[in-house]
Amino acid sequence: MAAAAAAAAAAAAGSGPAREEEGPAGEAAAPQPQAPTSAPGARLSRLPLARVKALVKADPDVTLAGQEAIFILARAAELFVETIAKDAYCCAQQGKRKTLQRRDLDNAIEAVDEFAFLEGTLD
């Protein structure tokens, strides 16, 4: 029953039918997960990689930067912006607002220890 539900969920998700294979003792093994197929226009990074590469090349200490390194830096920047934006939004909600303001970023920087390196940068 659970295998049928998993197969139906996999088929509904568009990842193709789940296959059941027999294990060494003849019992049915768990279905093998398949990687979802990405849409042709789907992007792995929301930031433009060319812009990230230009920022990396602006550093005089960097001579070469591989495409994988650029992608990882872009993804790390996305996660950082997402995290600080969520924390700043929580500060805005405490003030019963939905619009982020500079003071919300300041409050998030002061409240979260991981953002201590940013103190004084918005002055």
N, C-alpha and C. Protein backbone atom coordinates (compact mmCIF):
# COMPACT_ATOMS: atom_id res chain seq x y z
N MET A 1 0.82 -1.18 0.00
CA MET A 1 0.00 0.00 0.00
C MET A 1 0.87 1.25 0.00
N ALA A 2 1.90 1.29 0.85
CA ALA A 2 2.79 2.45 0.91
C ALA A 2 3.57 2.58 -0.38
N ALA A 3 3.95 1.44 -0.98
CA ALA A 3 4.69 1.49 -2.24
C ALA A 3 3.82 2.06 -3.35
N ALA A 4 2.53 1.72 -3.34
CA ALA A 4 1.62 2.26 -4.36
C ALA A 4 1.43 3.75 -4.17
N ALA A 5 1.36 4.20 -2.90
CA ALA A 5 1.22 5.64 -2.64
C ALA A 5 2.48 6.38 -3.07
N ALA A 6 3.64 5.78 -2.82
CA ALA A 6 4.89 6.40 -3.22
C ALA A 6 4.99 6.47 -4.74
N ALA A 7 4.55 5.42 -5.42
CA ALA A 7 4.58 5.41 -6.88
C ALA A 7 3.63 6.46 -7.44
N ALA A 8 2.45 6.60 -6.82
CA ALA A 8 1.49 7.60 -7.29
C ALA A 8 2.03 9.00 -7.05
N ALA A 9 2.68 9.22 -5.90
CA ALA A 9 3.24 10.53 -5.61
C ALA A 9 4.38 10.86 -6.56
N ALA A 10 5.20 9.87 -6.87
CA ALA A 10 6.31 10.10 -7.80
C ALA A 10 5.80 10.39 -9.19
N ALA A 11 4.74 9.67 -9.60
CA ALA A 11 4.18 9.92 -10.93
C ALA A 11 3.52 11.28 -10.99
N ALA A 12 2.86 11.70 -9.90
CA ALA A 12 2.22 13.00 -9.87
C ALA A 12 3.25 14.11 -9.87
N ALA A 13 4.42 13.86 -9.25
CA ALA A 13 5.48 14.88 -9.21
C ALA A 13 6.19 14.99 -10.52
N GLY A 14 5.97 14.09 -11.42
CA GLY A 14 6.58 14.17 -12.74
C GLY A 14 7.97 13.57 -12.81
N SER A 15 8.37 12.84 -11.78
CA SER A 15 9.70 12.27 -11.80
C SER A 15 9.70 10.87 -12.41
N GLY A 16 8.59 10.46 -12.97
CA GLY A 16 8.53 9.16 -13.62
C GLY A 16 8.06 8.10 -12.66
N PRO A 17 7.75 6.95 -13.16
CA PRO A 17 7.25 5.89 -12.29
C PRO A 17 8.37 5.34 -11.41
N ALA A 18 8.00 5.02 -10.18
CA ALA A 18 8.97 4.42 -9.28
C ALA A 18 9.10 2.95 -9.64
N ARG A 19 10.31 2.46 -9.66
CA ARG A 19 10.53 1.06 -10.02
C ARG A 19 10.79 0.27 -8.75
N GLU A 20 10.19 -0.88 -8.68
CA GLU A 20 10.46 -1.78 -7.57
C GLU A 20 11.35 -2.89 -8.09
N GLU A 21 12.41 -3.12 -7.37
CA GLU A 21 13.33 -4.18 -7.76
C GLU A 21 13.35 -5.22 -6.66
N GLU A 22 13.65 -6.43 -7.05
CA GLU A 22 13.71 -7.49 -6.05
C GLU A 22 15.07 -7.48 -5.40
N GLY A 23 15.05 -7.66 -4.08
CA GLY A 23 16.28 -7.73 -3.32
C GLY A 23 16.90 -9.11 -3.47
N PRO A 24 18.00 -9.37 -2.77
CA PRO A 24 18.68 -10.65 -2.88
C PRO A 24 17.83 -11.83 -2.38
N ALA A 25 16.91 -11.59 -1.45
CA ALA A 25 16.09 -12.69 -0.92
C ALA A 25 14.78 -12.83 -1.66
N GLY A 26 14.56 -12.04 -2.70
CA GLY A 26 13.36 -12.14 -3.48
C GLY A 26 12.26 -11.18 -3.06
N GLU A 27 12.46 -10.47 -1.92
CA GLU A 27 11.43 -9.51 -1.51
C GLU A 27 11.60 -8.21 -2.30
N ALA A 28 10.53 -7.46 -2.35
CA ALA A 28 10.55 -6.21 -3.10
C ALA A 28 11.38 -5.18 -2.33
N ALA A 29 12.31 -4.58 -3.02
CA ALA A 29 13.15 -3.55 -2.41
C ALA A 29 12.44 -2.21 -2.52
N ALA A 30 12.92 -1.25 -1.78
CA ALA A 30 12.34 0.09 -1.82
C ALA A 30 12.55 0.69 -3.20
N PRO A 31 11.60 1.48 -3.67
CA PRO A 31 11.75 2.08 -4.99
C PRO A 31 12.95 3.02 -5.02
N GLN A 32 13.64 3.02 -6.13
CA GLN A 32 14.81 3.87 -6.30
C GLN A 32 14.36 5.28 -6.65
N PRO A 33 14.79 6.29 -5.88
CA PRO A 33 14.41 7.66 -6.21
C PRO A 33 15.10 8.10 -7.49
N GLN A 34 14.36 8.83 -8.28
CA GLN A 34 14.92 9.34 -9.52
C GLN A 34 15.02 10.84 -9.43
N ALA A 35 16.05 11.39 -10.03
CA ALA A 35 16.23 12.83 -10.02
C ALA A 35 15.13 13.48 -10.83
N PRO A 36 14.52 14.55 -10.30
CA PRO A 36 13.48 15.21 -11.07
C PRO A 36 14.09 15.89 -12.29
N THR A 37 13.36 15.83 -13.36
CA THR A 37 13.84 16.48 -14.57
C THR A 37 13.54 17.95 -14.45
N SER A 38 14.54 18.77 -14.74
CA SER A 38 14.34 20.21 -14.63
C SER A 38 13.73 20.75 -15.91
N ALA A 39 12.97 21.78 -15.75
CA ALA A 39 12.36 22.42 -16.91
C ALA A 39 13.45 23.06 -17.74
N PRO A 40 13.25 23.21 -19.05
CA PRO A 40 14.29 23.76 -19.90
C PRO A 40 14.73 25.16 -19.48
N GLY A 41 13.83 25.96 -18.96
CA GLY A 41 14.18 27.33 -18.60
C GLY A 41 14.54 27.49 -17.14
N ALA A 42 14.58 26.41 -16.37
CA ALA A 42 14.87 26.50 -14.94
C ALA A 42 16.32 26.88 -14.71
N ARG A 43 16.54 27.77 -13.74
CA ARG A 43 17.89 28.21 -13.41
C ARG A 43 18.28 27.66 -12.05
N LEU A 44 19.53 27.29 -11.92
CA LEU A 44 20.01 26.79 -10.64
C LEU A 44 20.39 27.94 -9.71
N SER A 45 20.69 29.08 -10.28
CA SER A 45 21.10 30.24 -9.51
C SER A 45 20.22 31.42 -9.91
N ARG A 46 19.80 32.20 -8.93
CA ARG A 46 18.98 33.36 -9.23
C ARG A 46 19.83 34.57 -9.57
N LEU A 47 21.06 34.60 -9.08
CA LEU A 47 21.96 35.71 -9.40
C LEU A 47 22.63 35.46 -10.75
N PRO A 48 22.84 36.50 -11.53
CA PRO A 48 23.51 36.31 -12.81
C PRO A 48 24.98 35.93 -12.60
N LEU A 49 25.36 34.78 -13.13
CA LEU A 49 26.71 34.28 -12.90
C LEU A 49 27.77 35.19 -13.52
N ALA A 50 27.44 35.85 -14.63
CA ALA A 50 28.39 36.77 -15.25
C ALA A 50 28.70 37.94 -14.32
N ARG A 51 27.69 38.41 -13.62
CA ARG A 51 27.90 39.52 -12.67
C ARG A 51 28.74 39.07 -11.49
N VAL A 52 28.47 37.86 -11.00
CA VAL A 52 29.26 37.32 -9.88
C VAL A 52 30.71 37.15 -10.32
N LYS A 53 30.91 36.65 -11.53
CA LYS A 53 32.27 36.46 -12.04
C LYS A 53 32.98 37.80 -12.16
N ALA A 54 32.27 38.83 -12.60
CA ALA A 54 32.87 40.16 -12.70
C ALA A 54 33.28 40.69 -11.32
N LEU A 55 32.46 40.42 -10.31
CA LEU A 55 32.81 40.84 -8.95
C LEU A 55 34.03 40.08 -8.44
N VAL A 56 34.11 38.80 -8.74
CA VAL A 56 35.25 38.00 -8.31
C VAL A 56 36.52 38.50 -9.00
N LYS A 57 36.42 38.77 -10.29
CA LYS A 57 37.59 39.24 -11.04
C LYS A 57 38.03 40.64 -10.63
N ALA A 58 37.16 41.40 -9.98
CA ALA A 58 37.52 42.73 -9.51
C ALA A 58 38.53 42.67 -8.36
N ASP A 59 38.62 41.51 -7.71
CA ASP A 59 39.59 41.32 -6.63
C ASP A 59 40.97 41.09 -7.24
N PRO A 60 41.95 41.94 -6.91
CA PRO A 60 43.29 41.77 -7.51
C PRO A 60 44.00 40.49 -7.07
N ASP A 61 43.58 39.89 -5.96
CA ASP A 61 44.21 38.66 -5.49
C ASP A 61 43.75 37.43 -6.25
N VAL A 62 42.65 37.53 -6.99
CA VAL A 62 42.10 36.39 -7.72
C VAL A 62 42.61 36.43 -9.15
N THR A 63 43.26 35.34 -9.55
CA THR A 63 43.75 35.26 -10.93
C THR A 63 42.84 34.40 -11.80
N LEU A 64 42.42 33.28 -11.28
CA LEU A 64 41.52 32.39 -12.01
C LEU A 64 40.37 31.98 -11.10
N ALA A 65 39.19 31.84 -11.69
CA ALA A 65 38.04 31.36 -10.94
C ALA A 65 37.25 30.44 -11.85
N GLY A 66 37.11 29.20 -11.45
CA GLY A 66 36.38 28.22 -12.24
C GLY A 66 34.89 28.46 -12.17
N GLN A 67 34.19 27.88 -13.13
CA GLN A 67 32.74 28.06 -13.21
C GLN A 67 32.04 27.48 -12.00
N GLU A 68 32.54 26.38 -11.47
CA GLU A 68 31.93 25.79 -10.27
C GLU A 68 32.10 26.71 -9.07
N ALA A 69 33.27 27.33 -8.95
CA ALA A 69 33.51 28.27 -7.84
C ALA A 69 32.58 29.47 -7.95
N ILE A 70 32.39 29.96 -9.15
CA ILE A 70 31.48 31.10 -9.36
C ILE A 70 30.07 30.71 -8.96
N PHE A 71 29.64 29.52 -9.36
CA PHE A 71 28.30 29.06 -9.01
C PHE A 71 28.13 28.94 -7.50
N ILE A 72 29.13 28.38 -6.82
CA ILE A 72 29.05 28.21 -5.37
C ILE A 72 29.01 29.56 -4.68
N LEU A 73 29.80 30.52 -5.15
CA LEU A 73 29.76 31.86 -4.57
C LEU A 73 28.40 32.52 -4.79
N ALA A 74 27.83 32.33 -5.97
CA ALA A 74 26.50 32.90 -6.25
C ALA A 74 25.46 32.27 -5.34
N ARG A 75 25.52 30.98 -5.16
CA ARG A 75 24.55 30.29 -4.31
C ARG A 75 24.72 30.72 -2.85
N ALA A 76 25.97 30.88 -2.39
CA ALA A 76 26.21 31.33 -1.02
C ALA A 76 25.67 32.74 -0.82
N ALA A 77 25.84 33.60 -1.81
CA ALA A 77 25.31 34.96 -1.71
C ALA A 77 23.79 34.94 -1.64
N GLU A 78 23.15 34.08 -2.43
CA GLU A 78 21.70 33.95 -2.39
C GLU A 78 21.23 33.52 -1.00
N LEU A 79 21.88 32.53 -0.44
CA LEU A 79 21.49 32.04 0.89
C LEU A 79 21.71 33.11 1.95
N PHE A 80 22.79 33.87 1.83
CA PHE A 80 23.06 34.94 2.79
C PHE A 80 21.97 36.01 2.72
N VAL A 81 21.65 36.45 1.51
CA VAL A 81 20.62 37.48 1.34
C VAL A 81 19.28 36.97 1.85
N GLU A 82 18.96 35.71 1.56
CA GLU A 82 17.71 35.13 2.03
C GLU A 82 17.64 35.12 3.55
N THR A 83 18.74 34.73 4.19
CA THR A 83 18.77 34.63 5.64
C THR A 83 18.63 36.00 6.30
N ILE A 84 19.39 36.97 5.83
CA ILE A 84 19.32 38.29 6.47
C ILE A 84 17.98 38.96 6.17
N ALA A 85 17.41 38.69 5.01
CA ALA A 85 16.10 39.25 4.68
C ALA A 85 15.02 38.66 5.58
N LYS A 86 15.08 37.36 5.84
CA LYS A 86 14.09 36.73 6.73
C LYS A 86 14.20 37.30 8.14
N ASP A 87 15.43 37.46 8.62
CA ASP A 87 15.62 38.00 9.96
C ASP A 87 15.15 39.45 10.03
N ALA A 88 15.43 40.23 8.99
CA ALA A 88 14.97 41.62 8.96
C ALA A 88 13.46 41.68 8.88
N TYR A 89 12.85 40.75 8.16
CA TYR A 89 11.39 40.73 8.05
C TYR A 89 10.76 40.41 9.41
N CYS A 90 11.40 39.55 10.18
CA CYS A 90 10.90 39.26 11.53
C CYS A 90 10.92 40.53 12.37
N CYS A 91 11.96 41.34 12.22
CA CYS A 91 12.03 42.61 12.94
C CYS A 91 10.92 43.55 12.48
N ALA A 92 10.61 43.55 11.20
CA ALA A 92 9.53 44.39 10.68
C ALA A 92 8.19 43.91 11.22
N GLN A 93 8.00 42.60 11.31
CA GLN A 93 6.74 42.07 11.83
C GLN A 93 6.55 42.42 13.30
N GLN A 94 7.65 42.49 14.04
CA GLN A 94 7.53 42.88 15.45
C GLN A 94 7.01 44.31 15.57
N GLY A 95 7.33 45.14 14.57
CA GLY A 95 6.81 46.50 14.53
C GLY A 95 5.48 46.59 13.81
N LYS A 96 4.87 45.43 13.54
CA LYS A 96 3.57 45.33 12.87
C LYS A 96 3.60 45.98 11.48
N ARG A 97 4.71 45.74 10.76
CA ARG A 97 4.86 46.24 9.39
C ARG A 97 5.20 45.09 8.47
N LYS A 98 4.93 45.28 7.18
CA LYS A 98 5.30 44.28 6.17
C LYS A 98 6.43 44.77 5.29
N THR A 99 6.70 46.05 5.32
CA THR A 99 7.74 46.63 4.48
C THR A 99 9.06 46.70 5.25
N LEU A 100 10.11 46.17 4.64
CA LEU A 100 11.42 46.24 5.28
C LEU A 100 11.97 47.65 5.20
N GLN A 101 12.57 48.08 6.29
CA GLN A 101 13.24 49.37 6.33
C GLN A 101 14.67 49.15 6.78
N ARG A 102 15.48 50.18 6.62
CA ARG A 102 16.88 50.06 6.99
C ARG A 102 17.04 49.69 8.46
N ARG A 103 16.20 50.25 9.30
CA ARG A 103 16.31 49.95 10.73
C ARG A 103 16.05 48.47 11.02
N ASP A 104 15.25 47.80 10.16
CA ASP A 104 15.02 46.36 10.33
C ASP A 104 16.31 45.58 10.07
N LEU A 105 17.05 45.99 9.05
CA LEU A 105 18.35 45.36 8.79
C LEU A 105 19.31 45.62 9.95
N ASP A 106 19.33 46.87 10.45
CA ASP A 106 20.18 47.19 11.59
C ASP A 106 19.82 46.33 12.80
N ASN A 107 18.52 46.18 13.05
CA ASN A 107 18.08 45.36 14.19
C ASN A 107 18.45 43.90 14.01
N ALA A 108 18.32 43.39 12.78
CA ALA A 108 18.69 42.00 12.52
C ALA A 108 20.18 41.79 12.70
N ILE A 109 20.97 42.75 12.26
CA ILE A 109 22.43 42.65 12.40
C ILE A 109 22.82 42.65 13.88
N GLU A 110 22.15 43.47 14.67
CA GLU A 110 22.45 43.53 16.11
C GLU A 110 21.95 42.29 16.85
N ALA A 111 20.84 41.73 16.40
CA ALA A 111 20.21 40.62 17.12
C ALA A 111 20.87 39.27 16.86
N VAL A 112 21.42 39.08 15.66
CA VAL A 112 21.95 37.77 15.27
C VAL A 112 23.48 37.81 15.33
N ASP A 113 24.06 36.90 16.10
CA ASP A 113 25.52 36.88 16.27
C ASP A 113 26.27 36.63 14.96
N GLU A 114 25.67 35.85 14.06
CA GLU A 114 26.35 35.54 12.80
C GLU A 114 26.54 36.77 11.92
N PHE A 115 25.76 37.83 12.18
CA PHE A 115 25.88 39.05 11.39
C PHE A 115 26.74 40.11 12.07
N ALA A 116 27.46 39.73 13.11
CA ALA A 116 28.28 40.70 13.86
C ALA A 116 29.32 41.37 12.96
N PHE A 117 29.80 40.67 11.95
CA PHE A 117 30.81 41.25 11.07
C PHE A 117 30.25 42.40 10.23
N LEU A 118 28.95 42.55 10.19
CA LEU A 118 28.31 43.61 9.42
C LEU A 118 28.06 44.88 10.24
N GLU A 119 28.29 44.82 11.53
CA GLU A 119 28.00 45.99 12.37
C GLU A 119 28.81 47.18 11.91
N GLY A 120 28.11 48.29 11.69
CA GLY A 120 28.75 49.52 11.25
C GLY A 120 28.91 49.65 9.75
N THR A 121 28.54 48.66 8.99
CA THR A 121 28.72 48.74 7.54
C THR A 121 27.63 49.56 6.86
N LEU A 122 26.48 49.70 7.47
CA LEU A 122 25.39 50.47 6.87
C LEU A 122 25.44 51.95 7.26
N ASP A 123 26.44 52.34 8.03
CA ASP A 123 26.53 53.76 8.46
C ASP A 123 27.07 54.64 7.35
